[in-house]
């Protein structure tokens, strides 16, 4: 997921989207032990892919700050939430 974030922030949207998709598939095959962590990862990945798709299509993303606030309210591991957070 870090590799996908690096691609995203460096402007390589195609690579980032591919990495997010691969990461999601890997997490589905080998989910984290905590259901809360799994939910957090899934929501984070879905948001990033949606944001890339909206940007690619030239449309605006719905208010992401509300989504980010909801994501931060999940009971996932604190370190995961710090490492993979939405602005």
Protein backbone atom coordinates (compact mmCIF):
# COMPACT_ATOMS: atom_id res chain seq x y z
CA UNK A 1 0.00 0.00 0.00
CA UNK A 2 2.92 2.34 0.64
CA UNK A 3 4.12 1.78 -2.92
CA UNK A 4 0.67 2.77 -4.19
CA UNK A 5 0.72 5.93 -2.06
CA UNK A 6 4.15 6.83 -3.42
CA UNK A 7 2.85 6.38 -6.96
CA UNK A 8 -0.21 8.48 -6.19
CA UNK A 9 1.71 11.37 -4.67
CA UNK A 10 4.29 11.33 -7.45
CA UNK A 11 1.50 11.63 -10.03
CA UNK A 12 1.65 8.12 -11.46
CA UNK A 13 -2.08 7.48 -11.16
CA UNK A 14 -2.19 4.40 -13.36
CA UNK A 15 0.48 2.62 -11.34
CA UNK A 16 -1.08 3.73 -8.05
CA UNK A 17 -4.51 2.43 -9.02
CA UNK A 18 -3.00 -0.89 -10.07
CA UNK A 19 -1.07 -1.18 -6.79
CA UNK A 20 -4.18 -0.34 -4.72
CA UNK A 21 -6.13 -3.02 -6.61
CA UNK A 22 -3.41 -5.63 -6.09
CA UNK A 23 -3.19 -4.72 -2.40
CA UNK A 24 -6.94 -5.12 -1.99
CA UNK A 25 -6.80 -8.55 -3.64
CA UNK A 26 -3.96 -9.59 -1.34
CA UNK A 27 -5.85 -8.43 1.75
CA UNK A 28 -8.93 -10.34 0.65
CA UNK A 29 -6.88 -13.54 0.31
CA UNK A 30 -5.00 -13.02 3.57
CA UNK A 31 -7.04 -10.66 5.78
CA UNK A 32 -5.65 -9.07 8.93
CA UNK A 33 -6.54 -10.76 12.22
CA UNK A 34 -8.60 -7.80 13.34
CA UNK A 35 -11.90 -7.16 11.57
CA UNK A 36 -11.53 -3.47 12.43
CA UNK A 37 -8.14 -3.32 10.69
CA UNK A 38 -9.60 -5.14 7.71
CA UNK A 39 -12.47 -2.64 7.50
CA UNK A 40 -10.04 0.28 7.71
CA UNK A 41 -7.77 -1.06 4.99
CA UNK A 42 -10.72 -1.81 2.74
CA UNK A 43 -12.26 1.65 3.17
CA UNK A 44 -8.89 3.35 2.63
CA UNK A 45 -8.19 1.39 -0.55
CA UNK A 46 -11.71 1.93 -1.90
CA UNK A 47 -11.43 5.66 -1.29
CA UNK A 48 -8.06 5.96 -3.02
CA UNK A 49 -9.25 4.00 -6.08
CA UNK A 50 -12.44 6.09 -6.25
CA UNK A 51 -10.43 9.31 -6.01
CA UNK A 52 -8.14 8.21 -8.85
CA UNK A 53 -11.10 7.20 -11.02
CA UNK A 54 -12.86 10.53 -10.40
CA UNK A 55 -9.69 12.46 -11.23
CA UNK A 56 -9.11 10.40 -14.39
CA UNK A 57 -12.68 11.03 -15.57
CA UNK A 58 -12.37 14.73 -14.82
CA UNK A 59 -15.16 14.72 -12.27
CA UNK A 60 -15.02 16.02 -8.75
CA UNK A 61 -14.87 13.72 -5.79
CA UNK A 62 -17.77 13.97 -3.35
CA UNK A 63 -16.84 15.66 -0.06
CA UNK A 64 -13.93 13.52 1.04
CA UNK A 65 -13.46 15.26 4.38
CA UNK A 66 -16.66 13.65 5.70
CA UNK A 67 -15.42 10.26 4.55
CA UNK A 68 -12.00 10.84 6.12
CA UNK A 69 -13.65 11.72 9.43
CA UNK A 70 -15.71 8.52 9.33
CA UNK A 71 -12.65 6.48 8.45
CA UNK A 72 -10.74 7.91 11.39
CA UNK A 73 -13.57 6.89 13.74
CA UNK A 74 -13.08 3.20 12.95
CA UNK A 75 -11.53 1.16 15.76
CA UNK A 76 -8.52 0.08 13.74
CA UNK A 77 -5.00 -0.18 15.09
CA UNK A 78 -3.67 3.27 15.91
CA UNK A 79 -0.41 2.78 14.02
CA UNK A 80 -2.28 1.74 10.87
CA UNK A 81 -4.45 4.83 11.15
CA UNK A 82 -1.39 7.07 11.45
CA UNK A 83 0.46 5.44 8.59
CA UNK A 84 -2.48 5.36 6.17
CA UNK A 85 -4.58 8.43 6.80
CA UNK A 86 -6.65 10.62 4.60
CA UNK A 87 -6.06 14.37 4.76
